[in-house]
N, C-alpha and C. Protein backbone atom coordinates (compact mmCIF):
# COMPACT_ATOMS: atom_id res chain seq x y z
N MET A 1 5.99 -9.59 -1.78
CA MET A 1 6.06 -8.10 -2.47
C MET A 1 7.04 -9.30 -3.17
N LYS A 2 6.79 -8.68 -4.78
CA LYS A 2 7.60 -8.99 -5.90
C LYS A 2 9.12 -7.91 -5.83
N ASN A 3 10.03 -8.44 -6.14
CA ASN A 3 10.55 -7.71 -6.67
C ASN A 3 11.19 -6.66 -5.95
N LEU A 4 11.11 -6.69 -4.44
CA LEU A 4 11.44 -5.93 -3.54
C LEU A 4 12.75 -4.89 -3.78
N GLU A 5 14.42 -5.63 -3.78
CA GLU A 5 15.32 -4.92 -3.92
C GLU A 5 15.19 -3.78 -5.07
N ASN A 6 14.45 -4.50 -6.29
CA ASN A 6 14.23 -3.54 -7.15
C ASN A 6 13.48 -2.20 -6.58
N LYS A 7 12.07 -2.56 -5.89
CA LYS A 7 11.42 -1.48 -5.34
C LYS A 7 11.82 -0.56 -4.09
N LEU A 8 12.95 -1.37 -3.39
CA LEU A 8 13.95 -0.97 -3.05
C LEU A 8 15.32 0.17 -3.26
N GLN A 9 15.08 0.05 -4.56
CA GLN A 9 16.44 0.77 -5.37
C GLN A 9 15.43 2.36 -5.47
N VAL A 10 14.25 2.33 -6.08
CA VAL A 10 13.68 3.21 -7.19
C VAL A 10 13.37 3.97 -6.03
N LEU A 11 13.06 3.44 -4.66
CA LEU A 11 12.36 4.32 -3.31
C LEU A 11 12.98 5.05 -2.93
N ASN A 12 13.93 4.11 -2.72
CA ASN A 12 15.95 5.32 -2.10
C ASN A 12 16.10 6.28 -3.26
N GLU A 13 16.06 5.75 -4.74
CA GLU A 13 16.93 7.17 -5.66
C GLU A 13 15.78 8.54 -5.21
N ASN A 14 14.24 7.70 -4.89
CA ASN A 14 13.00 9.10 -5.15
C ASN A 14 13.03 9.93 -3.66
N ARG A 15 13.55 8.88 -2.67
CA ARG A 15 13.63 9.52 -1.61
C ARG A 15 14.06 11.59 -1.05
N GLY A 16 14.63 11.85 -1.97
CA GLY A 16 15.83 12.75 -1.58
C GLY A 16 16.38 13.15 -0.18
N ASP A 17 16.20 14.00 0.52
CA ASP A 17 17.12 14.06 2.02
C ASP A 17 15.61 13.01 2.95
N VAL A 18 14.71 13.01 2.45
CA VAL A 18 14.05 12.18 3.21
C VAL A 18 14.41 11.05 4.20
N GLU A 19 14.08 10.65 5.67
CA GLU A 19 14.87 9.53 5.90
C GLU A 19 13.76 7.55 4.48
N LEU A 20 14.19 6.97 4.68
CA LEU A 20 13.33 5.87 4.22
C LEU A 20 12.21 5.61 4.17
N ARG A 21 11.74 5.49 5.33
CA ARG A 21 10.51 4.50 6.35
C ARG A 21 9.20 6.04 5.97
N GLU A 22 10.51 7.30 6.50
CA GLU A 22 9.36 8.47 6.10
C GLU A 22 8.62 8.64 5.12
N TYR A 23 9.76 8.59 3.71
CA TYR A 23 9.05 8.71 2.03
C TYR A 23 8.18 7.17 2.04
N VAL A 24 8.66 6.52 2.64
CA VAL A 24 7.10 4.76 2.45
C VAL A 24 6.08 5.69 3.14
N GLU A 25 6.17 5.97 4.29
CA GLU A 25 4.62 5.78 4.92
C GLU A 25 4.02 7.57 3.79
N ILE A 26 4.50 8.28 3.77
CA ILE A 26 4.29 10.05 3.17
C ILE A 26 3.17 9.39 1.49
N SER A 27 4.41 7.94 0.87
CA SER A 27 3.75 7.60 -0.37
C SER A 27 2.77 6.67 0.21
N ALA A 28 2.27 6.32 0.41
CA ALA A 28 1.54 5.43 1.09
C ALA A 28 0.50 5.92 1.41
N GLU A 29 0.57 7.22 2.09
CA GLU A 29 -0.86 8.36 2.65
C GLU A 29 -1.28 8.70 1.43
N SER A 30 -0.53 8.91 0.66
CA SER A 30 -0.20 10.30 -1.11
C SER A 30 -1.17 9.80 -2.40
N ASP A 31 -0.37 9.06 -2.63
CA ASP A 31 0.05 7.92 -3.64
C ASP A 31 -1.25 7.22 -3.59
N PRO A 32 -1.90 7.14 -4.80
CA PRO A 32 -3.26 5.60 -4.86
C PRO A 32 -3.31 4.41 -5.44
N ASN A 33 -1.52 4.82 -6.09
CA ASN A 33 -1.51 3.73 -6.94
C ASN A 33 0.33 3.11 -6.18
N PHE A 34 0.68 3.41 -5.15
CA PHE A 34 1.61 2.99 -4.37
C PHE A 34 1.79 1.57 -3.86
N PHE A 35 0.57 0.99 -3.09
CA PHE A 35 0.26 0.00 -2.85
C PHE A 35 0.27 -1.08 -4.10
N ARG A 36 -0.41 -1.03 -5.72
CA ARG A 36 -0.56 -1.33 -6.73
C ARG A 36 1.11 -1.77 -6.52
N TRP A 37 1.32 -0.67 -6.87
CA TRP A 37 3.39 -0.25 -7.24
C TRP A 37 3.68 -1.76 -6.47
N LEU A 38 3.74 -1.05 -5.41
CA LEU A 38 4.58 -2.22 -3.77
C LEU A 38 3.99 -3.70 -4.58
N PHE A 39 2.91 -3.92 -4.47
CA PHE A 39 2.06 -5.90 -4.15
C PHE A 39 1.96 -6.22 -5.55
N GLY A 40 2.96 -5.54 -7.02
CA GLY A 40 2.39 -5.42 -8.37
C GLY A 40 1.08 -6.25 -8.49
N GLU A 41 0.07 -5.43 -7.64
CA GLU A 41 -1.53 -6.08 -8.03
C GLU A 41 -2.27 -4.48 -8.33
N ASP A 42 -3.49 -4.58 -9.13
CA ASP A 42 -4.69 -3.86 -9.06
C ASP A 42 -5.26 -4.26 -8.20
N PHE A 43 -5.03 -3.45 -7.23
CA PHE A 43 -6.42 -3.09 -5.86
C PHE A 43 -7.30 -2.05 -6.68
N ASP A 44 -8.92 -2.06 -6.19
CA ASP A 44 -9.84 -1.42 -6.39
C ASP A 44 -9.37 -0.22 -6.36
N ASN A 45 -10.81 0.91 -6.73
CA ASN A 45 -9.95 2.51 -6.40
C ASN A 45 -9.14 2.28 -4.48
N ASP A 46 -10.37 1.39 -3.71
CA ASP A 46 -9.85 2.20 -2.60
C ASP A 46 -9.05 0.95 -1.89
N PHE A 47 -7.61 0.84 -2.30
CA PHE A 47 -6.70 -0.06 -2.12
C PHE A 47 -6.58 -0.36 -0.72
N ASP A 48 -6.25 0.12 0.15
CA ASP A 48 -6.44 0.19 1.74
C ASP A 48 -7.53 -1.17 1.81
N SER A 49 -8.84 -0.83 1.94
CA SER A 49 -10.38 -1.98 2.20
C SER A 49 -10.30 -2.82 0.82
N SER A 50 -8.97 -2.71 -0.16
CA SER A 50 -9.11 -4.57 -1.17
C SER A 50 -7.57 -4.54 -0.99
N MET A 51 -6.91 -4.51 0.63
CA MET A 51 -6.09 -5.29 0.96
C MET A 51 -6.04 -6.61 1.82
N THR A 52 -5.33 -7.91 1.40
CA THR A 52 -6.24 -8.52 2.35
C THR A 52 -5.03 -8.80 3.71
N SER A 53 -6.05 -9.28 4.55
CA SER A 53 -4.97 -8.92 5.71
C SER A 53 -3.51 -9.11 6.26
N GLU A 54 -3.07 -10.20 5.41
CA GLU A 54 -2.16 -10.63 5.13
C GLU A 54 -1.35 -9.65 4.24
N GLN A 55 -1.88 -9.44 3.33
CA GLN A 55 -1.06 -8.36 2.40
C GLN A 55 -1.23 -7.29 3.73
N LYS A 56 -1.49 -6.79 4.52
CA LYS A 56 -1.61 -5.58 5.34
C LYS A 56 -0.59 -5.56 6.35
N GLU A 57 -0.45 -6.96 6.80
CA GLU A 57 0.26 -7.64 7.36
C GLU A 57 2.22 -7.24 7.76
N GLU A 58 2.08 -8.04 6.32
CA GLU A 58 3.06 -7.84 5.12
C GLU A 58 3.74 -7.08 5.28
N TYR A 59 2.59 -5.31 4.02
CA TYR A 59 3.87 -4.68 4.69
C TYR A 59 4.19 -3.61 5.99
N LYS A 60 3.01 -3.99 7.19
CA LYS A 60 3.38 -3.37 8.12
C LYS A 60 4.79 -4.15 8.52
N SER A 61 4.53 -5.44 8.52
CA SER A 61 6.23 -6.02 9.03
C SER A 61 7.26 -5.28 8.00
N TRP A 62 7.38 -5.28 7.03
CA TRP A 62 8.34 -4.59 6.15
C TRP A 62 8.69 -3.30 6.51
N LEU A 63 7.66 -2.34 6.70
CA LEU A 63 7.42 -1.14 6.88
C LEU A 63 8.52 -1.14 8.12
N GLU A 64 8.79 -2.05 9.49
CA GLU A 64 9.13 -2.22 10.52
C GLU A 64 10.37 -2.89 10.31
N THR A 65 10.89 -2.78 9.15
CA THR A 65 12.49 -2.95 8.83
C THR A 65 13.13 -1.85 8.47
N LEU A 66 12.59 -1.29 7.96
CA LEU A 66 13.28 0.07 7.52
C LEU A 66 13.51 1.23 8.36
């Protein structure tokens, strides 16, 4: 994930009263562009199946740190 500090700042600004991790999980589930934005890549429409196993693991590890 590139420019993660900037992305964390954007996420924090947009989350409102919701905890950051919860906001990220909600965004990942509801926004089809979330992973495209987070990884800076143009995934296919079904982005979850287009992500590599390394990207999925990177996301899970990052999510645990929030």
